Amino acid sequence: MSNSIFTSDGLSSMYHVIVDAIYNIVRGILNQIRVLNTIQKIIIAIYFSLVVFFFSMAIYYALFQRWF
């Protein structure tokens, strides 16, 4: 836990463990992306933008139960 940028002040230990795991996963992904070439980085960027777009649309639909 010592390498995490988050502190556990005021957080439950379960929440802290989840946040720390997510932070470590993201840091590992970023370290992997750093060694890729430019074309692979572009493909990954497109893929992640599509995932984020569909995820945000799903959240929007779940909250408002309609499409725009």
PDB file of N, CA and C in Angstrom:
ATOM      1  N   MET A   1       0.820  -1.210   0.000  1.00  0.00           N
ATOM      2  CA  MET A   1       0.000   0.000   0.000  1.00  0.00           C
ATOM      3  C   MET A   1       0.860   1.270   0.000  1.00  0.00           C
ATOM      4  N   SER A   2       2.119   1.131   0.308  1.00  0.00           N
ATOM      5  CA  SER A   2       2.954   2.313   0.496  1.00  0.00           C
ATOM      6  C   SER A   2       3.206   3.062  -0.807  1.00  0.00           C
ATOM      7  N   ASN A   3       3.066   2.361  -1.964  1.00  0.00           N
ATOM      8  CA  ASN A   3       3.335   3.017  -3.240  1.00  0.00           C
ATOM      9  C   ASN A   3       2.111   3.712  -3.820  1.00  0.00           C
ATOM     10  N   SER A   4       1.013   3.733  -3.081  1.00  0.00           N
ATOM     11  CA  SER A   4      -0.222   4.330  -3.602  1.00  0.00           C
ATOM     12  C   SER A   4      -0.209   5.835  -3.395  1.00  0.00           C
ATOM     13  N   ILE A   5      -0.883   6.551  -4.326  1.00  0.00           N
ATOM     14  CA  ILE A   5      -0.987   8.001  -4.188  1.00  0.00           C
ATOM     15  C   ILE A   5      -2.149   8.387  -3.279  1.00  0.00           C
ATOM     16  N   PHE A   6      -2.935   7.384  -2.843  1.00  0.00           N
ATOM     17  CA  PHE A   6      -4.118   7.672  -2.039  1.00  0.00           C
ATOM     18  C   PHE A   6      -3.829   7.418  -0.567  1.00  0.00           C
ATOM     19  N   THR A   7      -4.471   8.188   0.286  1.00  0.00           N
ATOM     20  CA  THR A   7      -4.379   7.939   1.719  1.00  0.00           C
ATOM     21  C   THR A   7      -5.672   7.306   2.197  1.00  0.00           C
ATOM     22  N   SER A   8      -5.585   6.570   3.296  1.00  0.00           N
ATOM     23  CA  SER A   8      -6.766   5.876   3.809  1.00  0.00           C
ATOM     24  C   SER A   8      -7.488   6.706   4.861  1.00  0.00           C
ATOM     25  N   ASP A   9      -7.142   7.979   4.991  1.00  0.00           N
ATOM     26  CA  ASP A   9      -7.795   8.821   6.000  1.00  0.00           C
ATOM     27  C   ASP A   9      -9.272   8.980   5.662  1.00  0.00           C
ATOM     28  N   GLY A  10     -10.125   8.559   6.568  1.00  0.00           N
ATOM     29  CA  GLY A  10     -11.555   8.730   6.380  1.00  0.00           C
ATOM     30  C   GLY A  10     -12.176   7.732   5.428  1.00  0.00           C
ATOM     31  N   LEU A  11     -11.390   6.825   4.859  1.00  0.00           N
ATOM     32  CA  LEU A  11     -11.934   5.829   3.947  1.00  0.00           C
ATOM     33  C   LEU A  11     -12.007   4.483   4.653  1.00  0.00           C
ATOM     34  N   SER A  12     -13.008   3.687   4.278  1.00  0.00           N
ATOM     35  CA  SER A  12     -13.028   2.324   4.796  1.00  0.00           C
ATOM     36  C   SER A  12     -11.915   1.523   4.130  1.00  0.00           C
ATOM     37  N   SER A  13     -11.461   0.477   4.791  1.00  0.00           N
ATOM     38  CA  SER A  13     -10.329  -0.291   4.259  1.00  0.00           C
ATOM     39  C   SER A  13     -10.707  -0.969   2.942  1.00  0.00           C
ATOM     40  N   MET A  14     -11.972  -1.389   2.797  1.00  0.00           N
ATOM     41  CA  MET A  14     -12.389  -2.045   1.567  1.00  0.00           C
ATOM     42  C   MET A  14     -12.296  -1.076   0.398  1.00  0.00           C
ATOM     43  N   TYR A  15     -12.796   0.142   0.596  1.00  0.00           N
ATOM     44  CA  TYR A  15     -12.727   1.152  -0.456  1.00  0.00           C
ATOM     45  C   TYR A  15     -11.277   1.450  -0.815  1.00  0.00           C
ATOM     46  N   HIS A  16     -10.426   1.536   0.198  1.00  0.00           N
ATOM     47  CA  HIS A  16      -9.012   1.830  -0.039  1.00  0.00           C
ATOM     48  C   HIS A  16      -8.356   0.722  -0.847  1.00  0.00           C
ATOM     49  N   VAL A  17      -8.697  -0.533  -0.531  1.00  0.00           N
ATOM     50  CA  VAL A  17      -8.126  -1.662  -1.271  1.00  0.00           C
ATOM     51  C   VAL A  17      -8.566  -1.610  -2.735  1.00  0.00           C
ATOM     52  N   ILE A  18      -9.844  -1.298  -2.977  1.00  0.00           N
ATOM     53  CA  ILE A  18     -10.351  -1.243  -4.353  1.00  0.00           C
ATOM     54  C   ILE A  18      -9.663  -0.129  -5.125  1.00  0.00           C
ATOM     55  N   VAL A  19      -9.588   1.054  -4.524  1.00  0.00           N
ATOM     56  CA  VAL A  19      -8.967   2.188  -5.204  1.00  0.00           C
ATOM     57  C   VAL A  19      -7.499   1.913  -5.485  1.00  0.00           C
ATOM     58  N   ASP A  20      -6.822   1.306  -4.527  1.00  0.00           N
ATOM     59  CA  ASP A  20      -5.401   0.996  -4.706  1.00  0.00           C
ATOM     60  C   ASP A  20      -5.198  -0.025  -5.813  1.00  0.00           C
ATOM     61  N   ALA A  21      -6.081  -1.017  -5.892  1.00  0.00           N
ATOM     62  CA  ALA A  21      -5.977  -2.023  -6.952  1.00  0.00           C
ATOM     63  C   ALA A  21      -6.203  -1.382  -8.319  1.00  0.00           C
ATOM     64  N   ILE A  22      -7.214  -0.499  -8.414  1.00  0.00           N
ATOM     65  CA  ILE A  22      -7.478   0.188  -9.685  1.00  0.00           C
ATOM     66  C   ILE A  22      -6.286   1.040 -10.077  1.00  0.00           C
ATOM     67  N   TYR A  23      -5.702   1.743  -9.112  1.00  0.00           N
ATOM     68  CA  TYR A  23      -4.536   2.588  -9.393  1.00  0.00           C
ATOM     69  C   TYR A  23      -3.366   1.748  -9.907  1.00  0.00           C
ATOM     70  N   ASN A  24      -3.129   0.591  -9.276  1.00  0.00           N
ATOM     71  CA  ASN A  24      -2.028  -0.269  -9.717  1.00  0.00           C
ATOM     72  C   ASN A  24      -2.284  -0.837 -11.106  1.00  0.00           C
ATOM     73  N   ILE A  25      -3.545  -1.194 -11.406  1.00  0.00           N
ATOM     74  CA  ILE A  25      -3.877  -1.713 -12.735  1.00  0.00           C
ATOM     75  C   ILE A  25      -3.652  -0.643 -13.795  1.00  0.00           C
ATOM     76  N   VAL A  26      -4.129   0.576 -13.517  1.00  0.00           N
ATOM     77  CA  VAL A  26      -3.965   1.665 -14.480  1.00  0.00           C
ATOM     78  C   VAL A  26      -2.479   1.965 -14.691  1.00  0.00           C
ATOM     79  N   ARG A  27      -1.712   1.970 -13.606  1.00  0.00           N
ATOM     80  CA  ARG A  27      -0.280   2.243 -13.732  1.00  0.00           C
ATOM     81  C   ARG A  27       0.412   1.146 -14.543  1.00  0.00           C
ATOM     82  N   GLY A  28      -0.002  -0.105 -14.352  1.00  0.00           N
ATOM     83  CA  GLY A  28       0.564  -1.197 -15.137  1.00  0.00           C
ATOM     84  C   GLY A  28       0.231  -1.068 -16.610  1.00  0.00           C
ATOM     85  N   ILE A  29      -1.039  -0.679 -16.914  1.00  0.00           N
ATOM     86  CA  ILE A  29      -1.435  -0.485 -18.308  1.00  0.00           C
ATOM     87  C   ILE A  29      -0.621   0.638 -18.937  1.00  0.00           C
ATOM     88  N   LEU A  30      -0.453   1.741 -18.205  1.00  0.00           N
ATOM     89  CA  LEU A  30       0.323   2.864 -18.748  1.00  0.00           C
ATOM     90  C   LEU A  30       1.767   2.460 -18.995  1.00  0.00           C
ATOM     91  N   ASN A  31       2.346   1.643 -18.109  1.00  0.00           N
ATOM     92  CA  ASN A  31       3.714   1.175 -18.326  1.00  0.00           C
ATOM     93  C   ASN A  31       3.802   0.282 -19.556  1.00  0.00           C
ATOM     94  N   GLN A  32       2.757  -0.512 -19.810  1.00  0.00           N
ATOM     95  CA  GLN A  32       2.748  -1.349 -21.004  1.00  0.00           C
ATOM     96  C   GLN A  32       2.621  -0.504 -22.265  1.00  0.00           C
ATOM     97  N   ILE A  33       1.746   0.531 -22.222  1.00  0.00           N
ATOM     98  CA  ILE A  33       1.529   1.374 -23.397  1.00  0.00           C
ATOM     99  C   ILE A  33       2.802   2.137 -23.757  1.00  0.00           C
ATOM    100  N   ARG A  34       3.600   2.479 -22.758  1.00  0.00           N
ATOM    101  CA  ARG A  34       4.791   3.288 -22.996  1.00  0.00           C
ATOM    102  C   ARG A  34       5.773   2.607 -23.940  1.00  0.00           C
ATOM    103  N   VAL A  35       5.782   1.272 -23.974  1.00  0.00           N
ATOM    104  CA  VAL A  35       6.754   0.559 -24.803  1.00  0.00           C
ATOM    105  C   VAL A  35       6.200   0.197 -26.183  1.00  0.00           C
ATOM    106  N   LEU A  36       4.954   0.543 -26.463  1.00  0.00           N
ATOM    107  CA  LEU A  36       4.369   0.225 -27.754  1.00  0.00           C
ATOM    108  C   LEU A  36       4.760   1.276 -28.792  1.00  0.00           C
ATOM    109  N   ASN A  37       4.557   0.923 -30.060  1.00  0.00           N
ATOM    110  CA  ASN A  37       4.840   1.897 -31.104  1.00  0.00           C
ATOM    111  C   ASN A  37       3.617   2.778 -31.366  1.00  0.00           C
ATOM    112  N   THR A  38       3.774   3.757 -32.265  1.00  0.00           N
ATOM    113  CA  THR A  38       2.761   4.796 -32.433  1.00  0.00           C
ATOM    114  C   THR A  38       1.446   4.240 -32.963  1.00  0.00           C
ATOM    115  N   ILE A  39       1.502   3.308 -33.916  1.00  0.00           N
ATOM    116  CA  ILE A  39       0.272   2.771 -34.508  1.00  0.00           C
ATOM    117  C   ILE A  39      -0.527   2.010 -33.458  1.00  0.00           C
ATOM    118  N   GLN A  40       0.166   1.231 -32.632  1.00  0.00           N
ATOM    119  CA  GLN A  40      -0.530   0.508 -31.574  1.00  0.00           C
ATOM    120  C   GLN A  40      -1.142   1.465 -30.561  1.00  0.00           C
ATOM    121  N   LYS A  41      -0.445   2.570 -30.263  1.00  0.00           N
ATOM    122  CA  LYS A  41      -1.006   3.562 -29.340  1.00  0.00           C
ATOM    123  C   LYS A  41      -2.278   4.182 -29.907  1.00  0.00           C
ATOM    124  N   ILE A  42      -2.302   4.462 -31.217  1.00  0.00           N
ATOM    125  CA  ILE A  42      -3.494   5.044 -31.844  1.00  0.00           C
ATOM    126  C   ILE A  42      -4.657   4.064 -31.769  1.00  0.00           C
ATOM    127  N   ILE A  43      -4.388   2.783 -32.060  1.00  0.00           N
ATOM    128  CA  ILE A  43      -5.448   1.769 -31.997  1.00  0.00           C
ATOM    129  C   ILE A  43      -5.999   1.658 -30.586  1.00  0.00           C
ATOM    130  N   ILE A  44      -5.114   1.640 -29.586  1.00  0.00           N
ATOM    131  CA  ILE A  44      -5.556   1.548 -28.192  1.00  0.00           C
ATOM    132  C   ILE A  44      -6.366   2.781 -27.803  1.00  0.00           C
ATOM    133  N   ALA A  45      -5.944   3.971 -28.276  1.00  0.00           N
ATOM    134  CA  ALA A  45      -6.673   5.195 -27.956  1.00  0.00           C
ATOM    135  C   ALA A  45      -8.080   5.156 -28.539  1.00  0.00           C
ATOM    136  N   ILE A  46      -8.219   4.690 -29.776  1.00  0.00           N
ATOM    137  CA  ILE A  46      -9.547   4.579 -30.394  1.00  0.00           C
ATOM    138  C   ILE A  46     -10.407   3.588 -29.618  1.00  0.00           C
ATOM    139  N   TYR A  47      -9.808   2.445 -29.260  1.00  0.00           N
ATOM    140  CA  TYR A  47     -10.545   1.420 -28.532  1.00  0.00           C
ATOM    141  C   TYR A  47     -11.047   1.934 -27.191  1.00  0.00           C
ATOM    142  N   PHE A  48     -10.147   2.598 -26.435  1.00  0.00           N
ATOM    143  CA  PHE A  48     -10.550   3.109 -25.126  1.00  0.00           C
ATOM    144  C   PHE A  48     -11.604   4.205 -25.247  1.00  0.00           C
ATOM    145  N   SER A  49     -11.504   5.062 -26.290  1.00  0.00           N
ATOM    146  CA  SER A  49     -12.508   6.110 -26.449  1.00  0.00           C
ATOM    147  C   SER A  49     -13.871   5.508 -26.760  1.00  0.00           C
ATOM    148  N   LEU A  50     -13.891   4.440 -27.562  1.00  0.00           N
ATOM    149  CA  LEU A  50     -15.165   3.764 -27.830  1.00  0.00           C
ATOM    150  C   LEU A  50     -15.728   3.134 -26.566  1.00  0.00           C
ATOM    151  N   VAL A  51     -14.884   2.496 -25.780  1.00  0.00           N
ATOM    152  CA  VAL A  51     -15.349   1.873 -24.531  1.00  0.00           C
ATOM    153  C   VAL A  51     -15.916   2.924 -23.591  1.00  0.00           C
ATOM    154  N   VAL A  52     -15.201   4.046 -23.446  1.00  0.00           N
ATOM    155  CA  VAL A  52     -15.672   5.116 -22.563  1.00  0.00           C
ATOM    156  C   VAL A  52     -16.988   5.685 -23.082  1.00  0.00           C
ATOM    157  N   PHE A  53     -17.107   5.844 -24.410  1.00  0.00           N
ATOM    158  CA  PHE A  53     -18.334   6.387 -24.984  1.00  0.00           C
ATOM    159  C   PHE A  53     -19.526   5.477 -24.691  1.00  0.00           C
ATOM    160  N   PHE A  54     -19.388   4.186 -24.968  1.00  0.00           N
ATOM    161  CA  PHE A  54     -20.504   3.270 -24.739  1.00  0.00           C
ATOM    162  C   PHE A  54     -20.823   3.137 -23.258  1.00  0.00           C
ATOM    163  N   PHE A  55     -19.788   3.181 -22.413  1.00  0.00           N
ATOM    164  CA  PHE A  55     -20.015   3.093 -20.970  1.00  0.00           C
ATOM    165  C   PHE A  55     -20.791   4.315 -20.475  1.00  0.00           C
ATOM    166  N   SER A  56     -20.413   5.504 -20.968  1.00  0.00           N
ATOM    167  CA  SER A  56     -21.126   6.712 -20.551  1.00  0.00           C
ATOM    168  C   SER A  56     -22.551   6.720 -21.089  1.00  0.00           C
ATOM    169  N   MET A  57     -22.753   6.204 -22.308  1.00  0.00           N
ATOM    170  CA  MET A  57     -24.113   6.116 -22.835  1.00  0.00           C
ATOM    171  C   MET A  57     -24.964   5.163 -22.003  1.00  0.00           C
ATOM    172  N   ALA A  58     -24.371   4.049 -21.565  1.00  0.00           N
ATOM    173  CA  ALA A  58     -25.107   3.095 -20.734  1.00  0.00           C
ATOM    174  C   ALA A  58     -25.492   3.722 -19.400  1.00  0.00           C
ATOM    175  N   ILE A  59     -24.578   4.496 -18.806  1.00  0.00           N
ATOM    176  CA  ILE A  59     -24.889   5.179 -17.552  1.00  0.00           C
ATOM    177  C   ILE A  59     -26.000   6.213 -17.774  1.00  0.00           C
ATOM    178  N   TYR A  60     -25.898   6.964 -18.879  1.00  0.00           N
ATOM    179  CA  TYR A  60     -26.929   7.961 -19.184  1.00  0.00           C
ATOM    180  C   TYR A  60     -28.294   7.300 -19.318  1.00  0.00           C
ATOM    181  N   TYR A  61     -28.353   6.186 -20.062  1.00  0.00           N
ATOM    182  CA  TYR A  61     -29.624   5.498 -20.246  1.00  0.00           C
ATOM    183  C   TYR A  61     -30.148   4.943 -18.926  1.00  0.00           C
ATOM    184  N   ALA A  62     -29.253   4.428 -18.093  1.00  0.00           N
ATOM    185  CA  ALA A  62     -29.679   3.878 -16.809  1.00  0.00           C
ATOM    186  C   ALA A  62     -30.242   4.971 -15.900  1.00  0.00           C
ATOM    187  N   LEU A  63     -29.673   6.176 -15.994  1.00  0.00           N
ATOM    188  CA  LEU A  63     -30.140   7.256 -15.133  1.00  0.00           C
ATOM    189  C   LEU A  63     -31.447   7.866 -15.628  1.00  0.00           C
ATOM    190  N   PHE A  64     -31.557   8.084 -16.938  1.00  0.00           N
ATOM    191  CA  PHE A  64     -32.694   8.850 -17.457  1.00  0.00           C
ATOM    192  C   PHE A  64     -33.709   7.993 -18.206  1.00  0.00           C
ATOM    193  N   GLN A  65     -33.401   6.737 -18.487  1.00  0.00           N
ATOM    194  CA  GLN A  65     -34.323   5.796 -19.126  1.00  0.00           C
ATOM    195  C   GLN A  65     -34.824   6.297 -20.484  1.00  0.00           C
ATOM    196  N   ARG A  66     -34.006   7.077 -21.180  1.00  0.00           N
ATOM    197  CA  ARG A  66     -34.377   7.539 -22.521  1.00  0.00           C
ATOM    198  C   ARG A  66     -33.106   7.972 -23.246  1.00  0.00           C
ATOM    199  N   TRP A  67     -33.229   8.068 -24.569  1.00  0.00           N
ATOM    200  CA  TRP A  67     -32.097   8.501 -25.386  1.00  0.00           C
ATOM    201  C   TRP A  67     -32.295   9.955 -25.770  1.00  0.00           C
ATOM    202  N   PHE A  68     -31.584  10.845 -25.119  1.00  0.00           N
ATOM    203  CA  PHE A  68     -31.619  12.287 -25.402  1.00  0.00           C
ATOM    204  C   PHE A  68     -33.043  12.818 -25.492  1.00  0.00           C
TER     205      PHE A  68
END
